[in-house]
Amino acid sequence: MMHESADINHLMQAPKLDPDFPDAPMGWTREGARKIADEENLELTEVHWDVIRALQRYYVQHDDTAIMNLRDLHDALDERFHSLGGMKYLYTVLPGGPIAQSCRLAGLKAPYIATDLGFGSVA
């Protein structure tokens, strides 16, 4: 999968990266995430920003995968936030679904089944 960053012309026009979000996709901003959160009646806390960072890093580390594996992503988030209660806790801070809602906030495309309402998603 080719990133937008591979295009030198796009890189020359791209704004500076946010140092707190080194793995953010091109064009992603905190302001954009805040706007999405406002639209979804969500007040962003440091936990939300940590989830966003974790997702962005996960996607960068797995960018060679043609299709993002929902189970692997679920397990990675559960492990990363285990000390807070794992996925159970993340459902309390991301009521739109820890994967679907946090992917929207992080500027990432959620695995397709994470937003399939027939599969039980709340997104």
C-alpha atoms as a PDB file:
ATOM      1  CA  MET A   1       0.000   0.000   0.000  1.00  0.00           C
ATOM      2  CA  MET A   2       1.490   3.343  -1.036  1.00  0.00           C
ATOM      3  CA  HIS A   3       1.229   6.244   1.377  1.00  0.00           C
ATOM      4  CA  GLU A   4       0.583   9.795   0.296  1.00  0.00           C
ATOM      5  CA  SER A   5       3.987  10.575   1.800  1.00  0.00           C
ATOM      6  CA  ALA A   6       5.623   8.677  -1.081  1.00  0.00           C
ATOM      7  CA  ASP A   7       4.678  11.507  -3.455  1.00  0.00           C
ATOM      8  CA  ILE A   8       7.425  14.156  -3.181  1.00  0.00           C
ATOM      9  CA  ASN A   9       5.149  16.879  -4.584  1.00  0.00           C
ATOM     10  CA  HIS A  10       2.595  16.170  -1.872  1.00  0.00           C
ATOM     11  CA  LEU A  11       5.310  16.195   0.787  1.00  0.00           C
ATOM     12  CA  MET A  12       6.553  19.611  -0.302  1.00  0.00           C
ATOM     13  CA  GLN A  13       3.053  21.049   0.158  1.00  0.00           C
ATOM     14  CA  ALA A  14       2.272  19.149   3.344  1.00  0.00           C
ATOM     15  CA  PRO A  15       2.073  21.015   6.643  1.00  0.00           C
ATOM     16  CA  LYS A  16       4.507  20.210   9.430  1.00  0.00           C
ATOM     17  CA  LEU A  17       3.698  17.085  11.400  1.00  0.00           C
ATOM     18  CA  ASP A  18       2.418  17.341  14.953  1.00  0.00           C
ATOM     19  CA  PRO A  19       5.301  16.120  17.161  1.00  0.00           C
ATOM     20  CA  ASP A  20       2.829  14.561  19.616  1.00  0.00           C
ATOM     21  CA  PHE A  21       1.341  12.480  16.786  1.00  0.00           C
ATOM     22  CA  PRO A  22       4.315  11.355  14.680  1.00  0.00           C
ATOM     23  CA  ASP A  23       2.366   8.540  13.005  1.00  0.00           C
ATOM     24  CA  ALA A  24      -0.661  10.637  12.015  1.00  0.00           C
ATOM     25  CA  PRO A  25      -1.884  10.243   8.447  1.00  0.00           C
ATOM     26  CA  MET A  26      -1.359  13.115   6.024  1.00  0.00           C
ATOM     27  CA  GLY A  27      -3.872  15.878   6.567  1.00  0.00           C
ATOM     28  CA  TRP A  28      -4.884  14.747  10.056  1.00  0.00           C
ATOM     29  CA  THR A  29      -5.031  17.460  12.726  1.00  0.00           C
ATOM     30  CA  ARG A  30      -6.072  17.660  16.349  1.00  0.00           C
ATOM     31  CA  GLU A  31      -8.607  20.284  15.336  1.00  0.00           C
ATOM     32  CA  GLY A  32     -10.165  17.836  12.897  1.00  0.00           C
ATOM     33  CA  ALA A  33     -10.359  15.198  15.625  1.00  0.00           C
ATOM     34  CA  ARG A  34     -11.960  17.727  17.984  1.00  0.00           C
ATOM     35  CA  LYS A  35     -14.534  18.609  15.329  1.00  0.00           C
ATOM     36  CA  ILE A  36     -15.455  14.945  14.869  1.00  0.00           C
ATOM     37  CA  ALA A  37     -15.642  14.513  18.643  1.00  0.00           C
ATOM     38  CA  ASP A  38     -17.945  17.539  18.940  1.00  0.00           C
ATOM     39  CA  GLU A  39     -20.218  16.116  16.231  1.00  0.00           C
ATOM     40  CA  GLU A  40     -20.363  12.840  18.173  1.00  0.00           C
ATOM     41  CA  ASN A  41     -20.940  14.555  21.556  1.00  0.00           C
ATOM     42  CA  LEU A  42     -17.610  13.332  22.886  1.00  0.00           C
ATOM     43  CA  GLU A  43     -15.270  15.358  25.075  1.00  0.00           C
ATOM     44  CA  LEU A  44     -11.702  14.314  24.306  1.00  0.00           C
ATOM     45  CA  THR A  45      -9.504  13.427  27.271  1.00  0.00           C
ATOM     46  CA  GLU A  46      -5.888  12.293  27.448  1.00  0.00           C
ATOM     47  CA  VAL A  47      -7.104   8.688  27.197  1.00  0.00           C
ATOM     48  CA  HIS A  48      -8.739   9.495  23.842  1.00  0.00           C
ATOM     49  CA  TRP A  49      -5.508  11.070  22.583  1.00  0.00           C
ATOM     50  CA  ASP A  50      -3.591   7.968  23.754  1.00  0.00           C
ATOM     51  CA  VAL A  51      -5.995   5.722  21.836  1.00  0.00           C
ATOM     52  CA  ILE A  52      -5.567   7.906  18.746  1.00  0.00           C
ATOM     53  CA  ARG A  53      -1.764   7.697  19.036  1.00  0.00           C
ATOM     54  CA  ALA A  54      -1.911   3.925  19.552  1.00  0.00           C
ATOM     55  CA  LEU A  55      -4.129   3.438  16.493  1.00  0.00           C
ATOM     56  CA  GLN A  56      -2.024   5.677  14.298  1.00  0.00           C
ATOM     57  CA  ARG A  57       1.114   3.798  15.342  1.00  0.00           C
ATOM     58  CA  TYR A  58      -0.562   0.413  14.781  1.00  0.00           C
ATOM     59  CA  TYR A  59      -1.634   1.425  11.277  1.00  0.00           C
ATOM     60  CA  VAL A  60       1.887   2.632  10.406  1.00  0.00           C
ATOM     61  CA  GLN A  61       3.417  -0.601  11.697  1.00  0.00           C
ATOM     62  CA  HIS A  62       0.926  -2.692   9.701  1.00  0.00           C
ATOM     63  CA  ASP A  63       0.731  -0.600   6.539  1.00  0.00           C
ATOM     64  CA  ASP A  64       2.012  -3.480   4.441  1.00  0.00           C
ATOM     65  CA  THR A  65      -1.178  -5.389   5.163  1.00  0.00           C
ATOM     66  CA  ALA A  66      -3.692  -5.127   2.333  1.00  0.00           C
ATOM     67  CA  ILE A  67      -6.641  -5.523   4.702  1.00  0.00           C
ATOM     68  CA  MET A  68      -6.499  -4.465   8.346  1.00  0.00           C
ATOM     69  CA  ASN A  69      -7.347  -7.432  10.586  1.00  0.00           C
ATOM     70  CA  LEU A  70     -10.092  -6.428  13.013  1.00  0.00           C
ATOM     71  CA  ARG A  71      -9.255  -9.159  15.548  1.00  0.00           C
ATOM     72  CA  ASP A  72      -5.555  -8.224  15.618  1.00  0.00           C
ATOM     73  CA  LEU A  73      -6.415  -4.546  16.033  1.00  0.00           C
ATOM     74  CA  HIS A  74      -8.909  -5.384  18.791  1.00  0.00           C
ATOM     75  CA  ASP A  75      -6.319  -7.495  20.611  1.00  0.00           C
ATOM     76  CA  ALA A  76      -3.631  -4.803  20.246  1.00  0.00           C
ATOM     77  CA  LEU A  77      -5.901  -2.158  21.808  1.00  0.00           C
ATOM     78  CA  ASP A  78      -6.983  -4.557  24.547  1.00  0.00           C
ATOM     79  CA  GLU A  79      -3.345  -5.251  25.405  1.00  0.00           C
ATOM     80  CA  ARG A  80      -2.236  -1.601  25.176  1.00  0.00           C
ATOM     81  CA  PHE A  81      -4.971  -0.440  27.562  1.00  0.00           C
ATOM     82  CA  HIS A  82      -5.021  -3.559  29.743  1.00  0.00           C
ATOM     83  CA  SER A  83      -3.967  -1.657  32.877  1.00  0.00           C
ATOM     84  CA  LEU A  84      -7.100   0.514  32.577  1.00  0.00           C
ATOM     85  CA  GLY A  85      -9.439  -2.379  31.877  1.00  0.00           C
ATOM     86  CA  GLY A  86      -8.744  -3.118  28.211  1.00  0.00           C
ATOM     87  CA  MET A  87     -11.543  -3.072  25.684  1.00  0.00           C
ATOM     88  CA  LYS A  88     -14.194  -3.037  28.405  1.00  0.00           C
ATOM     89  CA  TYR A  89     -12.827   0.303  29.581  1.00  0.00           C
ATOM     90  CA  LEU A  90     -12.446   1.640  26.035  1.00  0.00           C
ATOM     91  CA  TYR A  91     -16.149   1.002  25.394  1.00  0.00           C
ATOM     92  CA  THR A  92     -16.906   3.361  28.294  1.00  0.00           C
ATOM     93  CA  VAL A  93     -14.795   6.217  26.907  1.00  0.00           C
ATOM     94  CA  LEU A  94     -15.615   5.552  23.236  1.00  0.00           C
ATOM     95  CA  PRO A  95     -19.333   4.722  23.210  1.00  0.00           C
ATOM     96  CA  GLY A  96     -19.360   4.702  19.392  1.00  0.00           C
ATOM     97  CA  GLY A  97     -17.080   1.661  19.498  1.00  0.00           C
ATOM     98  CA  PRO A  98     -13.393   1.634  20.441  1.00  0.00           C
ATOM     99  CA  ILE A  99     -12.330   0.779  16.910  1.00  0.00           C
ATOM    100  CA  ALA A 100     -14.903   2.476  14.687  1.00  0.00           C
ATOM    101  CA  GLN A 101     -15.116   5.738  16.623  1.00  0.00           C
ATOM    102  CA  SER A 102     -11.424   5.994  17.427  1.00  0.00           C
ATOM    103  CA  CYS A 103     -10.497   5.331  13.777  1.00  0.00           C
ATOM    104  CA  ARG A 104     -12.702   8.266  12.765  1.00  0.00           C
ATOM    105  CA  LEU A 105     -10.969  10.444  15.372  1.00  0.00           C
ATOM    106  CA  ALA A 106      -7.522   9.249  14.265  1.00  0.00           C
ATOM    107  CA  GLY A 107      -8.192   9.907  10.584  1.00  0.00           C
ATOM    108  CA  LEU A 108      -7.965   6.223   9.711  1.00  0.00           C
ATOM    109  CA  LYS A 109     -10.189   3.855   7.807  1.00  0.00           C
ATOM    110  CA  ALA A 110     -11.730   1.342  10.188  1.00  0.00           C
ATOM    111  CA  PRO A 111     -11.716  -2.322   9.191  1.00  0.00           C
ATOM    112  CA  TYR A 112     -14.933  -2.766   7.206  1.00  0.00           C
ATOM    113  CA  ILE A 113     -16.629  -5.099   9.662  1.00  0.00           C
ATOM    114  CA  ALA A 114     -16.072  -2.643  12.541  1.00  0.00           C
ATOM    115  CA  THR A 115     -18.746  -0.392  11.043  1.00  0.00           C
ATOM    116  CA  ASP A 116     -21.131  -3.117   9.858  1.00  0.00           C
ATOM    117  CA  LEU A 117     -24.309  -2.471  11.868  1.00  0.00           C
ATOM    118  CA  GLY A 118     -25.414  -6.049  11.234  1.00  0.00           C
ATOM    119  CA  PHE A 119     -22.319  -7.298  13.021  1.00  0.00           C
ATOM    120  CA  GLY A 120     -23.192  -5.482  16.248  1.00  0.00           C
ATOM    121  CA  SER A 121     -21.200  -2.289  15.879  1.00  0.00           C
ATOM    122  CA  VAL A 122     -22.543   0.756  17.651  1.00  0.00           C
ATOM    123  CA  ALA A 123     -20.918   3.113  15.164  1.00  0.00           C
END
